[in-house]
């Protein structure tokens, strides 16, 4: 190989290394942003589900209180007599 070819090869290797390094930096930033975005989305979804669960628990408590109340039992007994 001549000196010119060696110089071109060295420049090409350096260019490839810098390009690859820049590409890896870009990908890691993109992945970091993606993870942050997904984390925020999952946190919001978790809050929604916790809120929904609390609401459903309150509704179940109300239904349990209705079913276990004396008035409900009395009306059930009256309906059974008909």
N, C-alpha and C. Protein backbone atom coordinates (compact mmCIF):
# COMPACT_ATOMS: atom_id res chain seq x y z
N UNK A 1 0.84 -1.18 0.00
CA UNK A 1 0.00 0.00 0.00
C UNK A 1 0.89 1.24 0.00
N UNK A 2 0.42 2.21 -0.72
CA UNK A 2 1.20 3.45 -0.77
C UNK A 2 0.84 4.35 0.40
N UNK A 3 1.66 5.37 0.60
CA UNK A 3 1.41 6.30 1.70
C UNK A 3 0.06 6.99 1.55
N UNK A 4 -0.33 7.29 0.35
CA UNK A 4 -1.62 7.94 0.10
C UNK A 4 -2.78 7.05 0.50
N UNK A 5 -2.68 5.77 0.18
CA UNK A 5 -3.76 4.83 0.54
C UNK A 5 -3.85 4.66 2.06
N UNK A 6 -2.70 4.61 2.72
CA UNK A 6 -2.68 4.47 4.17
C UNK A 6 -3.33 5.70 4.82
N UNK A 7 -3.02 6.89 4.31
CA UNK A 7 -3.58 8.13 4.84
C UNK A 7 -5.10 8.14 4.66
N UNK A 8 -5.56 7.73 3.48
CA UNK A 8 -7.01 7.69 3.21
C UNK A 8 -7.68 6.67 4.13
N UNK A 9 -7.04 5.53 4.33
CA UNK A 9 -7.58 4.49 5.20
C UNK A 9 -7.68 4.99 6.65
N UNK A 10 -6.67 5.69 7.11
CA UNK A 10 -6.68 6.23 8.48
C UNK A 10 -7.81 7.26 8.63
N UNK A 11 -7.94 8.14 7.66
CA UNK A 11 -9.01 9.15 7.70
C UNK A 11 -10.38 8.46 7.67
N UNK A 12 -10.53 7.43 6.86
CA UNK A 12 -11.80 6.70 6.77
C UNK A 12 -12.12 6.02 8.10
N UNK A 13 -11.11 5.43 8.73
CA UNK A 13 -11.33 4.77 10.03
C UNK A 13 -11.74 5.80 11.08
N UNK A 14 -11.07 6.93 11.11
CA UNK A 14 -11.41 7.99 12.07
C UNK A 14 -12.82 8.51 11.81
N UNK A 15 -13.15 8.74 10.54
CA UNK A 15 -14.48 9.21 10.18
C UNK A 15 -15.55 8.20 10.61
N UNK A 16 -15.29 6.92 10.36
CA UNK A 16 -16.24 5.87 10.74
C UNK A 16 -16.41 5.83 12.25
N UNK A 17 -15.32 5.94 13.00
CA UNK A 17 -15.39 5.91 14.45
C UNK A 17 -16.19 7.09 14.99
N UNK A 18 -15.93 8.29 14.47
CA UNK A 18 -16.66 9.48 14.91
C UNK A 18 -18.14 9.36 14.56
N UNK A 19 -18.43 8.88 13.36
CA UNK A 19 -19.82 8.72 12.94
C UNK A 19 -20.54 7.71 13.82
N UNK A 20 -19.90 6.60 14.08
CA UNK A 20 -20.50 5.56 14.91
C UNK A 20 -20.71 6.06 16.34
N UNK A 21 -19.75 6.79 16.85
CA UNK A 21 -19.85 7.36 18.20
C UNK A 21 -21.02 8.34 18.28
N UNK A 22 -21.17 9.17 17.27
CA UNK A 22 -22.28 10.13 17.23
C UNK A 22 -23.62 9.40 17.14
N UNK A 23 -23.66 8.35 16.33
CA UNK A 23 -24.87 7.55 16.19
C UNK A 23 -25.25 6.90 17.53
N UNK A 24 -24.29 6.34 18.23
CA UNK A 24 -24.57 5.71 19.52
C UNK A 24 -25.05 6.74 20.54
N UNK A 25 -24.48 7.92 20.52
CA UNK A 25 -24.91 8.99 21.42
C UNK A 25 -26.36 9.37 21.13
N UNK A 26 -26.68 9.51 19.85
CA UNK A 26 -28.05 9.84 19.44
C UNK A 26 -29.02 8.75 19.89
N UNK A 27 -28.68 7.50 19.66
CA UNK A 27 -29.56 6.39 20.04
C UNK A 27 -29.77 6.32 21.55
N UNK A 28 -28.71 6.54 22.31
CA UNK A 28 -28.86 6.48 23.76
C UNK A 28 -29.75 7.61 24.26
N UNK A 29 -29.62 8.81 23.68
CA UNK A 29 -30.50 9.92 24.06
C UNK A 29 -31.94 9.62 23.68
N UNK A 30 -32.14 9.06 22.49
CA UNK A 30 -33.49 8.72 22.04
C UNK A 30 -34.11 7.66 22.96
N UNK A 31 -33.34 6.67 23.33
CA UNK A 31 -33.86 5.63 24.22
C UNK A 31 -34.16 6.19 25.60
N UNK A 32 -33.30 7.07 26.09
CA UNK A 32 -33.52 7.70 27.39
C UNK A 32 -34.82 8.51 27.36
N UNK A 33 -35.03 9.27 26.29
CA UNK A 33 -36.25 10.05 26.15
C UNK A 33 -37.46 9.13 26.08
N UNK A 34 -37.33 8.05 25.34
CA UNK A 34 -38.41 7.09 25.20
C UNK A 34 -38.77 6.47 26.54
N UNK A 35 -37.77 6.11 27.32
CA UNK A 35 -38.01 5.52 28.64
C UNK A 35 -38.66 6.54 29.57
N UNK A 36 -38.19 7.78 29.55
CA UNK A 36 -38.79 8.82 30.39
C UNK A 36 -40.25 9.04 30.02
N UNK A 37 -40.51 9.07 28.72
CA UNK A 37 -41.87 9.26 28.24
C UNK A 37 -42.76 8.09 28.66
N UNK A 38 -42.24 6.88 28.51
CA UNK A 38 -43.01 5.70 28.88
C UNK A 38 -43.24 5.65 30.39
N UNK A 39 -42.25 6.03 31.15
CA UNK A 39 -42.37 6.05 32.60
C UNK A 39 -43.47 7.02 33.03
N UNK A 40 -43.50 8.19 32.41
CA UNK A 40 -44.52 9.18 32.73
C UNK A 40 -45.91 8.65 32.36
N UNK A 41 -46.00 8.02 31.20
CA UNK A 41 -47.27 7.46 30.75
C UNK A 41 -47.75 6.36 31.69
N UNK A 42 -46.84 5.50 32.12
CA UNK A 42 -47.21 4.43 33.04
C UNK A 42 -47.62 4.98 34.40
N UNK A 43 -46.96 6.04 34.85
CA UNK A 43 -47.34 6.66 36.12
C UNK A 43 -48.74 7.24 36.04
N UNK A 44 -49.07 7.88 34.93
CA UNK A 44 -50.41 8.43 34.75
C UNK A 44 -51.46 7.32 34.72
N UNK A 45 -51.14 6.25 34.00
CA UNK A 45 -52.06 5.11 33.92
C UNK A 45 -52.25 4.48 35.30
N UNK A 46 -51.19 4.40 36.07
CA UNK A 46 -51.27 3.85 37.42
C UNK A 46 -52.17 4.70 38.30
N UNK A 47 -52.05 6.02 38.20
CA UNK A 47 -52.90 6.92 38.97
C UNK A 47 -54.38 6.74 38.59
N UNK A 48 -54.64 6.60 37.29
CA UNK A 48 -56.02 6.39 36.84
C UNK A 48 -56.58 5.09 37.41
N UNK A 49 -55.77 4.04 37.36
CA UNK A 49 -56.24 2.74 37.87
C UNK A 49 -56.46 2.76 39.38
N UNK A 50 -55.58 3.46 40.11
CA UNK A 50 -55.77 3.57 41.56
C UNK A 50 -57.05 4.34 41.88
N UNK A 51 -57.31 5.39 41.13
CA UNK A 51 -58.52 6.17 41.33
C UNK A 51 -59.76 5.33 41.03
N UNK A 52 -59.72 4.59 39.94
CA UNK A 52 -60.84 3.73 39.55
C UNK A 52 -61.07 2.65 40.61
N UNK A 53 -59.99 2.07 41.12
CA UNK A 53 -60.10 1.04 42.14
C UNK A 53 -60.74 1.61 43.41
N UNK A 54 -60.32 2.79 43.81
CA UNK A 54 -60.91 3.43 45.00
C UNK A 54 -62.39 3.68 44.80
N UNK A 55 -62.75 4.16 43.62
CA UNK A 55 -64.16 4.43 43.32
C UNK A 55 -64.98 3.14 43.38
N UNK A 56 -64.45 2.07 42.81
CA UNK A 56 -65.18 0.80 42.82
C UNK A 56 -65.28 0.23 44.24
N UNK A 57 -64.25 0.41 45.05
CA UNK A 57 -64.32 -0.05 46.43
C UNK A 57 -65.40 0.70 47.20
N UNK A 58 -65.51 2.02 46.96
CA UNK A 58 -66.57 2.80 47.62
C UNK A 58 -67.95 2.31 47.18
N UNK A 59 -68.10 2.02 45.90
CA UNK A 59 -69.39 1.54 45.40
C UNK A 59 -69.75 0.19 46.00
N UNK A 60 -68.75 -0.68 46.14
CA UNK A 60 -69.00 -1.99 46.75
C UNK A 60 -69.41 -1.83 48.21
N UNK A 61 -68.78 -0.92 48.92
CA UNK A 61 -69.15 -0.67 50.32
C UNK A 61 -70.60 -0.20 50.42
N UNK A 62 -71.01 0.67 49.50
CA UNK A 62 -72.40 1.15 49.50
C UNK A 62 -73.34 -0.01 49.22
N UNK A 63 -73.00 -0.84 48.24
CA UNK A 63 -73.86 -1.99 47.93
C UNK A 63 -73.92 -2.96 49.10
N UNK A 64 -72.80 -3.19 49.76
CA UNK A 64 -72.81 -4.07 50.92
C UNK A 64 -73.68 -3.51 52.04
N UNK A 65 -73.60 -2.21 52.24
CA UNK A 65 -74.42 -1.61 53.29
C UNK A 65 -75.91 -1.71 52.95
N UNK A 66 -76.24 -1.61 51.67
CA UNK A 66 -77.65 -1.73 51.26
C UNK A 66 -78.12 -3.17 51.47
N UNK A 67 -77.33 -4.11 51.05
CA UNK A 67 -77.72 -5.52 51.14
C UNK A 67 -77.80 -5.98 52.59
N UNK A 68 -76.97 -5.47 53.44
CA UNK A 68 -76.98 -5.91 54.83
C UNK A 68 -77.90 -5.07 55.72
N UNK A 69 -78.55 -4.08 55.17
CA UNK A 69 -79.44 -3.24 55.99
C UNK A 69 -80.73 -4.00 56.31
N UNK A 70 -81.36 -3.61 57.40
CA UNK A 70 -82.60 -4.28 57.85
C UNK A 70 -83.74 -3.99 56.90
N UNK A 71 -83.78 -2.78 56.34
CA UNK A 71 -84.86 -2.43 55.42
C UNK A 71 -84.84 -3.33 54.19
N UNK A 72 -83.65 -3.62 53.70
CA UNK A 72 -83.54 -4.48 52.52
C UNK A 72 -84.02 -5.89 52.86
N UNK A 73 -83.61 -6.39 54.02
CA UNK A 73 -84.04 -7.73 54.43
C UNK A 73 -85.56 -7.79 54.60
N UNK A 74 -86.12 -6.73 55.17
CA UNK A 74 -87.58 -6.69 55.37
C UNK A 74 -88.30 -6.69 54.03
N UNK A 75 -87.81 -5.88 53.09
CA UNK A 75 -88.48 -5.84 51.79
C UNK A 75 -88.32 -7.17 51.05
N UNK A 76 -87.19 -7.86 51.25
CA UNK A 76 -87.01 -9.19 50.65
C UNK A 76 -88.00 -10.19 51.25
N UNK A 77 -88.21 -10.13 52.57
CA UNK A 77 -89.15 -11.02 53.21
C UNK A 77 -90.58 -10.74 52.75
N UNK A 78 -90.92 -9.46 52.59
CA UNK A 78 -92.26 -9.10 52.11
C UNK A 78 -92.45 -9.62 50.68
N UNK A 79 -91.45 -9.47 49.85
CA UNK A 79 -91.55 -9.96 48.46
C UNK A 79 -91.69 -11.48 48.45
N UNK A 80 -91.04 -12.16 49.38
CA UNK A 80 -91.13 -13.62 49.43
C UNK A 80 -92.53 -14.08 49.84
N UNK A 81 -93.22 -13.27 50.62
CA UNK A 81 -94.56 -13.63 51.07
C UNK A 81 -95.59 -13.46 49.94
N UNK A 82 -95.33 -12.67 48.98
CA UNK A 82 -96.32 -12.41 47.91
C UNK A 82 -96.50 -13.58 47.00
